[in-house]
């Protein structure tokens, strides 16, 4: 049995960081298993700088880098509205008459898919 390899620094919660393989998916790109650290107490996951550089390079190559936005939810009548910034809409190929599907993925997570 292999002995666990711990990082030389603790987690923010005070737990130990153990080196392990982490399944990495970011911006819709599946990077498979990559080496990272997971806290033995809270379970937070941390990736290496090399893995983050690989993710950033892949996102730039696919035109995804810099498209993430934080937007305010607004009210319109009895509905809540989330505005899609112009550059994100252009990347997705949506305009004012597009139809999208909203799929709640869990508390605090919403997937929006373009339909037409």
Protein backbone atom coordinates (compact mmCIF):
# COMPACT_ATOMS: atom_id res chain seq x y z
CA UNK A 1 0.00 0.00 0.00
CA UNK A 2 1.30 3.43 -0.98
CA UNK A 3 1.94 5.97 1.74
CA UNK A 4 -0.11 9.17 1.33
CA UNK A 5 1.87 12.13 0.05
CA UNK A 6 0.95 15.30 1.93
CA UNK A 7 1.52 18.87 0.78
CA UNK A 8 3.89 20.97 2.91
CA UNK A 9 1.09 23.43 3.68
CA UNK A 10 -2.25 23.03 5.48
CA UNK A 11 -5.71 23.79 4.12
CA UNK A 12 -7.45 27.03 5.16
CA UNK A 13 -9.56 24.91 7.56
CA UNK A 14 -6.44 23.47 9.23
CA UNK A 15 -6.74 20.02 7.60
CA UNK A 16 -3.92 18.22 5.83
CA UNK A 17 -3.62 18.38 2.05
CA UNK A 18 -3.09 14.96 0.48
CA UNK A 19 -1.90 14.55 -3.12
CA UNK A 20 -4.38 12.64 -5.27
CA UNK A 21 -5.86 12.42 -8.75
CA UNK A 22 -8.75 14.85 -9.27
CA UNK A 23 -11.24 14.74 -12.14
CA UNK A 24 -11.00 18.18 -13.75
CA UNK A 25 -13.77 19.79 -15.83
CA UNK A 26 -13.75 23.53 -16.45
CA UNK A 27 -15.68 25.70 -18.91
CA UNK A 28 -17.22 22.56 -20.41
CA UNK A 29 -13.83 21.02 -21.19
CA UNK A 30 -13.06 17.61 -19.65
CA UNK A 31 -9.37 17.44 -18.72
CA UNK A 32 -9.64 13.97 -17.17
CA UNK A 33 -7.63 13.09 -14.08
CA UNK A 34 -4.96 15.52 -12.96
CA UNK A 35 -2.72 15.61 -9.91
CA UNK A 36 -3.91 17.93 -7.18
CA UNK A 37 -4.42 18.16 -3.43
CA UNK A 38 -7.56 17.39 -1.42
CA UNK A 39 -8.11 18.43 2.19
CA UNK A 40 -8.59 15.51 4.57
CA UNK A 41 -10.91 17.62 6.74
CA UNK A 42 -13.17 19.76 4.50
CA UNK A 43 -12.66 18.06 1.12
CA UNK A 44 -11.65 21.24 -0.76
CA UNK A 45 -9.69 20.51 -3.92
CA UNK A 46 -6.69 22.43 -5.22
CA UNK A 47 -4.98 22.03 -8.59
CA UNK A 48 -1.34 22.62 -9.44
CA UNK A 49 -0.22 25.76 -11.28
CA UNK A 50 0.70 23.57 -14.26
CA UNK A 51 -2.85 22.18 -14.48
CA UNK A 52 -4.36 25.69 -14.27
CA UNK A 53 -2.02 26.83 -17.06
CA UNK A 54 -3.17 23.90 -19.22
CA UNK A 55 -6.83 24.82 -18.53
CA UNK A 56 -6.18 28.48 -19.38
CA UNK A 57 -4.37 27.59 -22.62
CA UNK A 58 -7.19 25.25 -23.72
CA UNK A 59 -9.83 27.89 -22.90
CA UNK A 60 -7.92 30.52 -24.92
CA UNK A 61 -7.57 28.12 -27.87
CA UNK A 62 -11.34 27.57 -27.87
CA UNK A 63 -12.24 31.24 -27.47
CA UNK A 64 -13.65 30.69 -23.97
CA UNK A 65 -11.08 32.59 -21.95
CA UNK A 66 -12.50 35.74 -20.41
CA UNK A 67 -16.15 34.93 -21.20
CA UNK A 68 -17.18 34.18 -17.63
CA UNK A 69 -19.27 37.02 -16.22
CA UNK A 70 -21.05 37.94 -13.03
CA UNK A 71 -24.39 39.60 -13.76
CA UNK A 72 -27.15 40.90 -11.53
CA UNK A 73 -30.55 39.21 -11.49
CA UNK A 74 -33.29 41.75 -12.19
CA UNK A 75 -37.08 41.74 -12.03
CA UNK A 76 -39.41 42.12 -14.99
CA UNK A 77 -43.08 41.77 -14.06
CA UNK A 78 -43.45 38.51 -12.12
CA UNK A 79 -40.24 37.04 -13.56
CA UNK A 80 -36.55 37.33 -12.77
CA UNK A 81 -34.23 38.23 -15.64
CA UNK A 82 -30.56 37.43 -16.22
CA UNK A 83 -28.97 39.52 -18.98
CA UNK A 84 -26.47 37.76 -21.24
CA UNK A 85 -23.56 40.09 -22.07
CA UNK A 86 -23.11 40.81 -25.79
CA UNK A 87 -19.77 39.00 -26.21
CA UNK A 88 -21.12 35.88 -24.47
CA UNK A 89 -24.28 35.98 -26.62
CA UNK A 90 -22.19 36.31 -29.78
CA UNK A 91 -20.03 33.34 -28.75
CA UNK A 92 -23.15 31.25 -28.04
CA UNK A 93 -24.89 32.41 -31.22
CA UNK A 94 -28.00 33.69 -29.43
CA UNK A 95 -30.00 36.85 -30.02
CA UNK A 96 -33.21 38.36 -28.66
CA UNK A 97 -35.53 35.76 -30.25
CA UNK A 98 -33.46 32.68 -29.38
CA UNK A 99 -35.02 29.89 -27.33
CA UNK A 100 -33.04 28.47 -24.41
CA UNK A 101 -33.61 25.64 -21.97
CA UNK A 102 -33.07 26.28 -18.24
CA UNK A 103 -32.01 23.26 -16.19
CA UNK A 104 -31.42 23.58 -12.43
CA UNK A 105 -28.40 21.37 -11.58
CA UNK A 106 -28.68 21.83 -7.83
CA UNK A 107 -28.86 24.58 -5.28
CA UNK A 108 -27.06 27.58 -6.75
CA UNK A 109 -26.36 26.00 -10.18
CA UNK A 110 -28.26 26.64 -13.40
CA UNK A 111 -27.44 25.36 -16.87
CA UNK A 112 -28.65 27.34 -19.87
CA UNK A 113 -28.68 25.54 -23.23
CA UNK A 114 -29.46 27.13 -26.55
CA UNK A 115 -32.25 25.36 -28.45
CA UNK A 116 -32.97 27.62 -31.37
